[in-house]
Amino acid sequence: MPTSGTPRANAASPLKLEFPQSLATYDDYAAAQKSVDYLSDQKFPVEQLMIVGTDLKRIERITGRLTWNRVAMGGVLSGVWLGLFVGVILSLFSDEGFVTIVSTMLFGALFGLIWALVGYAATRGQRDFSSVTQVVATRYEVLVEHKSAAQARELLAGLPGALPNPFA
């Protein structure tokens, strides 16, 4: 049975490199991607590279205050969309397509309204705001397989605005 350091084991997982070494560290993903793209343009075997995001943080952007009216309207709208979808599917098998679509939209609106209001009531006012969240990395490190590290560093040194070589 192969060990995790053998090429056979690495072929089974595309998210592993053989003895990876740090090539460069960046503050944003675009800069890390730019360095990999540059190496690709220089005909470097980019399958020996990996971008790893580290120091994860969760960002939550508050988008508004929740009220009973906003919750109700959101529930009705999402229910109408669900009803429209179900209605279109059912109308394919029915002779009364328009009636089927309208009735499923009405039932969807009622269901969405009730579901949203019950869910909001269950929070008992502990979360009276809407938001969107995202998990982002604060650093991005480009890793390279050990056998090509020197070549990658040499090529990357030619990238305009490249980071200084920490191994020089």
C-alpha atoms as a PDB file:
ATOM      1  CA  MET A   1       0.000   0.000   0.000  1.00  0.00           C
ATOM      2  CA  PRO A   2       1.493   3.376  -1.013  1.00  0.00           C
ATOM      3  CA  THR A   3       2.208   6.034   1.585  1.00  0.00           C
ATOM      4  CA  SER A   4       0.960   9.591   1.348  1.00  0.00           C
ATOM      5  CA  GLY A   5       4.297  10.828  -0.007  1.00  0.00           C
ATOM      6  CA  THR A   6       4.345   8.621  -3.084  1.00  0.00           C
ATOM      7  CA  PRO A   7       3.267   9.861  -6.507  1.00  0.00           C
ATOM      8  CA  ARG A   8       0.636   7.112  -6.690  1.00  0.00           C
ATOM      9  CA  ALA A   9      -1.154   8.459  -3.605  1.00  0.00           C
ATOM     10  CA  ASN A  10      -0.922  12.019  -4.946  1.00  0.00           C
ATOM     11  CA  ALA A  11      -2.539  10.973  -8.212  1.00  0.00           C
ATOM     12  CA  ALA A  12      -5.617   9.932  -6.225  1.00  0.00           C
ATOM     13  CA  SER A  13      -6.030  13.412  -4.736  1.00  0.00           C
ATOM     14  CA  PRO A  14      -5.667  16.522  -6.895  1.00  0.00           C
ATOM     15  CA  LEU A  15      -5.357  18.650  -3.750  1.00  0.00           C
ATOM     16  CA  LYS A  16      -1.977  17.295  -2.717  1.00  0.00           C
ATOM     17  CA  LEU A  17       1.542  18.124  -3.798  1.00  0.00           C
ATOM     18  CA  GLU A  18       4.645  16.020  -3.340  1.00  0.00           C
ATOM     19  CA  PHE A  19       6.739  17.723  -0.617  1.00  0.00           C
ATOM     20  CA  PRO A  20       5.325  21.241  -1.166  1.00  0.00           C
ATOM     21  CA  GLN A  21       7.419  24.325  -0.522  1.00  0.00           C
ATOM     22  CA  SER A  22       6.282  27.910  -0.172  1.00  0.00           C
ATOM     23  CA  LEU A  23       6.876  29.941  -3.308  1.00  0.00           C
ATOM     24  CA  ALA A  24       5.258  33.256  -2.322  1.00  0.00           C
ATOM     25  CA  THR A  25       2.664  34.747   0.026  1.00  0.00           C
ATOM     26  CA  TYR A  26       0.115  37.389  -0.978  1.00  0.00           C
ATOM     27  CA  ASP A  27      -2.472  39.527   0.770  1.00  0.00           C
ATOM     28  CA  ASP A  28      -5.166  38.890  -1.825  1.00  0.00           C
ATOM     29  CA  TYR A  29      -6.222  36.085  -4.125  1.00  0.00           C
ATOM     30  CA  ALA A  30      -5.846  38.161  -7.291  1.00  0.00           C
ATOM     31  CA  ALA A  31      -2.113  38.597  -6.685  1.00  0.00           C
ATOM     32  CA  ALA A  32      -1.633  34.869  -6.056  1.00  0.00           C
ATOM     33  CA  GLN A  33      -3.618  34.064  -9.190  1.00  0.00           C
ATOM     34  CA  LYS A  34      -1.540  36.578 -11.177  1.00  0.00           C
ATOM     35  CA  SER A  35       1.691  34.842 -10.161  1.00  0.00           C
ATOM     36  CA  VAL A  36       0.334  31.418 -11.187  1.00  0.00           C
ATOM     37  CA  ASP A  37      -0.910  32.862 -14.471  1.00  0.00           C
ATOM     38  CA  TYR A  38       2.511  34.392 -15.089  1.00  0.00           C
ATOM     39  CA  LEU A  39       4.200  31.043 -14.449  1.00  0.00           C
ATOM     40  CA  SER A  40       1.735  29.413 -16.845  1.00  0.00           C
ATOM     41  CA  ASP A  41       2.647  31.983 -19.507  1.00  0.00           C
ATOM     42  CA  GLN A  42       6.310  31.048 -18.954  1.00  0.00           C
ATOM     43  CA  LYS A  43       5.422  27.373 -19.708  1.00  0.00           C
ATOM     44  CA  PHE A  44       6.009  26.305 -16.097  1.00  0.00           C
ATOM     45  CA  PRO A  45       4.162  23.043 -15.238  1.00  0.00           C
ATOM     46  CA  VAL A  46       1.414  24.699 -13.194  1.00  0.00           C
ATOM     47  CA  GLU A  47      -0.016  21.340 -12.094  1.00  0.00           C
ATOM     48  CA  GLN A  48       2.841  21.436  -9.574  1.00  0.00           C
ATOM     49  CA  LEU A  49       1.387  24.563  -7.921  1.00  0.00           C
ATOM     50  CA  MET A  50      -1.318  25.158  -5.364  1.00  0.00           C
ATOM     51  CA  ILE A  51      -2.891  28.309  -3.919  1.00  0.00           C
ATOM     52  CA  VAL A  52      -3.800  27.952  -0.256  1.00  0.00           C
ATOM     53  CA  GLY A  53      -5.896  30.535   1.601  1.00  0.00           C
ATOM     54  CA  THR A  54      -5.025  30.796   5.293  1.00  0.00           C
ATOM     55  CA  ASP A  55      -6.066  32.797   8.349  1.00  0.00           C
ATOM     56  CA  LEU A  56      -9.766  32.506   7.597  1.00  0.00           C
ATOM     57  CA  LYS A  57     -12.235  35.046   8.890  1.00  0.00           C
ATOM     58  CA  ARG A  58     -15.988  35.320   8.633  1.00  0.00           C
ATOM     59  CA  ILE A  59     -17.443  38.602   7.444  1.00  0.00           C
ATOM     60  CA  GLU A  60     -21.098  39.424   8.001  1.00  0.00           C
ATOM     61  CA  ARG A  61     -22.583  42.438   6.226  1.00  0.00           C
ATOM     62  CA  ILE A  62     -25.826  43.699   7.770  1.00  0.00           C
ATOM     63  CA  THR A  63     -28.263  44.463   4.956  1.00  0.00           C
ATOM     64  CA  GLY A  64     -31.304  45.728   6.855  1.00  0.00           C
ATOM     65  CA  ARG A  65     -33.708  45.576   9.742  1.00  0.00           C
ATOM     66  CA  LEU A  66     -36.258  42.782   9.860  1.00  0.00           C
ATOM     67  CA  THR A  67     -39.867  43.677  10.598  1.00  0.00           C
ATOM     68  CA  TRP A  68     -43.009  41.568  10.461  1.00  0.00           C
ATOM     69  CA  ASN A  69     -43.930  43.236   7.143  1.00  0.00           C
ATOM     70  CA  ARG A  70     -40.543  42.573   5.543  1.00  0.00           C
ATOM     71  CA  VAL A  71     -40.562  38.949   6.711  1.00  0.00           C
ATOM     72  CA  ALA A  72     -44.107  38.486   5.406  1.00  0.00           C
ATOM     73  CA  MET A  73     -43.275  40.030   2.032  1.00  0.00           C
ATOM     74  CA  GLY A  74     -40.153  37.896   1.690  1.00  0.00           C
ATOM     75  CA  GLY A  75     -42.140  34.772   2.522  1.00  0.00           C
ATOM     76  CA  VAL A  76     -44.848  35.601  -0.019  1.00  0.00           C
ATOM     77  CA  LEU A  77     -42.308  36.302  -2.772  1.00  0.00           C
ATOM     78  CA  SER A  78     -40.300  33.138  -2.176  1.00  0.00           C
ATOM     79  CA  GLY A  79     -43.549  31.156  -2.029  1.00  0.00           C
ATOM     80  CA  VAL A  80     -44.712  32.634  -5.333  1.00  0.00           C
ATOM     81  CA  TRP A  81     -41.427  31.600  -6.983  1.00  0.00           C
ATOM     82  CA  LEU A  82     -41.737  28.076  -5.604  1.00  0.00           C
ATOM     83  CA  GLY A  83     -45.372  27.947  -6.720  1.00  0.00           C
ATOM     84  CA  LEU A  84     -44.431  29.158 -10.195  1.00  0.00           C
ATOM     85  CA  PHE A  85     -41.814  26.443 -10.512  1.00  0.00           C
ATOM     86  CA  VAL A  86     -44.159  23.698  -9.326  1.00  0.00           C
ATOM     87  CA  GLY A  87     -46.976  25.106 -11.474  1.00  0.00           C
ATOM     88  CA  VAL A  88     -44.890  25.070 -14.648  1.00  0.00           C
ATOM     89  CA  ILE A  89     -43.875  21.463 -13.991  1.00  0.00           C
ATOM     90  CA  LEU A  90     -47.474  20.392 -13.276  1.00  0.00           C
ATOM     91  CA  SER A  91     -48.838  22.307 -16.266  1.00  0.00           C
ATOM     92  CA  LEU A  92     -46.800  20.089 -18.558  1.00  0.00           C
ATOM     93  CA  PHE A  93     -49.071  17.208 -17.529  1.00  0.00           C
ATOM     94  CA  SER A  94     -52.342  19.134 -17.346  1.00  0.00           C
ATOM     95  CA  ASP A  95     -54.853  20.459 -19.879  1.00  0.00           C
ATOM     96  CA  GLU A  96     -55.456  23.595 -17.809  1.00  0.00           C
ATOM     97  CA  GLY A  97     -51.926  24.986 -17.759  1.00  0.00           C
ATOM     98  CA  PHE A  98     -52.675  28.605 -16.823  1.00  0.00           C
ATOM     99  CA  VAL A  99     -55.086  27.668 -14.028  1.00  0.00           C
ATOM    100  CA  THR A 100     -52.543  25.192 -12.646  1.00  0.00           C
ATOM    101  CA  ILE A 101     -49.772  27.783 -12.639  1.00  0.00           C
ATOM    102  CA  VAL A 102     -51.886  30.484 -10.973  1.00  0.00           C
ATOM    103  CA  SER A 103     -53.273  28.152  -8.314  1.00  0.00           C
ATOM    104  CA  THR A 104     -49.832  26.773  -7.383  1.00  0.00           C
ATOM    105  CA  MET A 105     -48.510  30.328  -7.175  1.00  0.00           C
ATOM    106  CA  LEU A 106     -51.330  31.252  -4.759  1.00  0.00           C
ATOM    107  CA  PHE A 107     -50.754  28.148  -2.637  1.00  0.00           C
ATOM    108  CA  GLY A 108     -47.023  28.841  -2.712  1.00  0.00           C
ATOM    109  CA  ALA A 109     -47.566  32.426  -1.568  1.00  0.00           C
ATOM    110  CA  LEU A 110     -49.743  31.260   1.338  1.00  0.00           C
ATOM    111  CA  PHE A 111     -47.263  28.537   2.306  1.00  0.00           C
ATOM    112  CA  GLY A 112     -44.312  30.947   2.077  1.00  0.00           C
ATOM    113  CA  LEU A 113     -46.123  33.549   4.184  1.00  0.00           C
ATOM    114  CA  ILE A 114     -46.972  31.091   6.951  1.00  0.00           C
ATOM    115  CA  TRP A 115     -43.524  29.466   6.922  1.00  0.00           C
ATOM    116  CA  ALA A 116     -41.684  32.801   7.090  1.00  0.00           C
ATOM    117  CA  LEU A 117     -43.848  34.209   9.879  1.00  0.00           C
ATOM    118  CA  VAL A 118     -43.594  31.049  11.991  1.00  0.00           C
ATOM    119  CA  GLY A 119     -39.803  31.024  11.510  1.00  0.00           C
ATOM    120  CA  TYR A 120     -39.508  34.690  12.457  1.00  0.00           C
ATOM    121  CA  ALA A 121     -41.725  34.231  15.518  1.00  0.00           C
ATOM    122  CA  ALA A 122     -39.509  31.341  16.641  1.00  0.00           C
ATOM    123  CA  THR A 123     -36.502  33.680  16.913  1.00  0.00           C
ATOM    124  CA  ARG A 124     -38.387  35.798  19.494  1.00  0.00           C
ATOM    125  CA  GLY A 125     -36.697  38.981  18.324  1.00  0.00           C
ATOM    126  CA  GLN A 126     -33.144  37.772  18.909  1.00  0.00           C
ATOM    127  CA  ARG A 127     -32.141  38.391  15.312  1.00  0.00           C
ATOM    128  CA  ASP A 128     -34.061  41.371  13.960  1.00  0.00           C
ATOM    129  CA  PHE A 129     -31.772  42.011  11.014  1.00  0.00           C
ATOM    130  CA  SER A 130     -30.901  40.463   7.667  1.00  0.00           C
ATOM    131  CA  SER A 131     -27.339  39.903   6.528  1.00  0.00           C
ATOM    132  CA  VAL A 132     -25.045  38.134   4.102  1.00  0.00           C
ATOM    133  CA  THR A 133     -21.939  36.271   5.222  1.00  0.00           C
ATOM    134  CA  GLN A 134     -18.749  35.185   3.561  1.00  0.00           C
ATOM    135  CA  VAL A 135     -15.645  33.336   4.706  1.00  0.00           C
ATOM    136  CA  VAL A 136     -12.447  34.845   3.314  1.00  0.00           C
ATOM    137  CA  ALA A 137      -8.742  34.234   3.732  1.00  0.00           C
ATOM    138  CA  THR A 138      -6.428  37.018   4.859  1.00  0.00           C
ATOM    139  CA  ARG A 139      -3.333  35.473   3.231  1.00  0.00           C
ATOM    140  CA  TYR A 140      -2.816  33.378   0.111  1.00  0.00           C
ATOM    141  CA  GLU A 141       0.261  31.206  -0.217  1.00  0.00           C
ATOM    142  CA  VAL A 142       1.430  29.691  -3.497  1.00  0.00           C
ATOM    143  CA  LEU A 143       2.988  26.279  -2.920  1.00  0.00           C
ATOM    144  CA  VAL A 144       5.160  24.377  -5.377  1.00  0.00           C
ATOM    145  CA  GLU A 145       6.475  20.828  -5.504  1.00  0.00           C
ATOM    146  CA  HIS A 146      10.032  20.658  -4.172  1.00  0.00           C
ATOM    147  CA  LYS A 147      11.526  19.362  -7.427  1.00  0.00           C
ATOM    148  CA  SER A 148      10.474  22.518  -9.311  1.00  0.00           C
ATOM    149  CA  ALA A 149      10.822  25.125  -6.564  1.00  0.00           C
ATOM    150  CA  ALA A 150      14.086  26.646  -7.833  1.00  0.00           C
ATOM    151  CA  GLN A 151      12.772  26.946 -11.383  1.00  0.00           C
ATOM    152  CA  ALA A 152       9.520  28.529 -10.172  1.00  0.00           C
ATOM    153  CA  ARG A 153      11.374  31.084  -8.012  1.00  0.00           C
ATOM    154  CA  GLU A 154      13.646  32.006 -10.911  1.00  0.00           C
ATOM    155  CA  LEU A 155      10.713  32.498 -13.282  1.00  0.00           C
ATOM    156  CA  LEU A 156       8.615  34.360 -10.729  1.00  0.00           C
ATOM    157  CA  ALA A 157      11.457  36.821 -10.140  1.00  0.00           C
ATOM    158  CA  GLY A 158      10.796  38.069 -13.677  1.00  0.00           C
ATOM    159  CA  LEU A 159       7.201  39.042 -12.897  1.00  0.00           C
ATOM    160  CA  PRO A 160       6.876  42.847 -12.894  1.00  0.00           C
ATOM    161  CA  GLY A 161       6.223  43.936  -9.312  1.00  0.00           C
ATOM    162  CA  ALA A 162       7.174  40.501  -7.983  1.00  0.00           C
ATOM    163  CA  LEU A 163       7.892  40.034  -4.336  1.00  0.00           C
ATOM    164  CA  PRO A 164      11.571  39.923  -3.398  1.00  0.00           C
ATOM    165  CA  ASN A 165      13.012  36.424  -3.215  1.00  0.00           C
ATOM    166  CA  PRO A 166      13.154  35.489   0.478  1.00  0.00           C
ATOM    167  CA  PHE A 167      15.674  32.730  -0.313  1.00  0.00           C
ATOM    168  CA  ALA A 168      18.237  34.952  -2.045  1.00  0.00           C
END
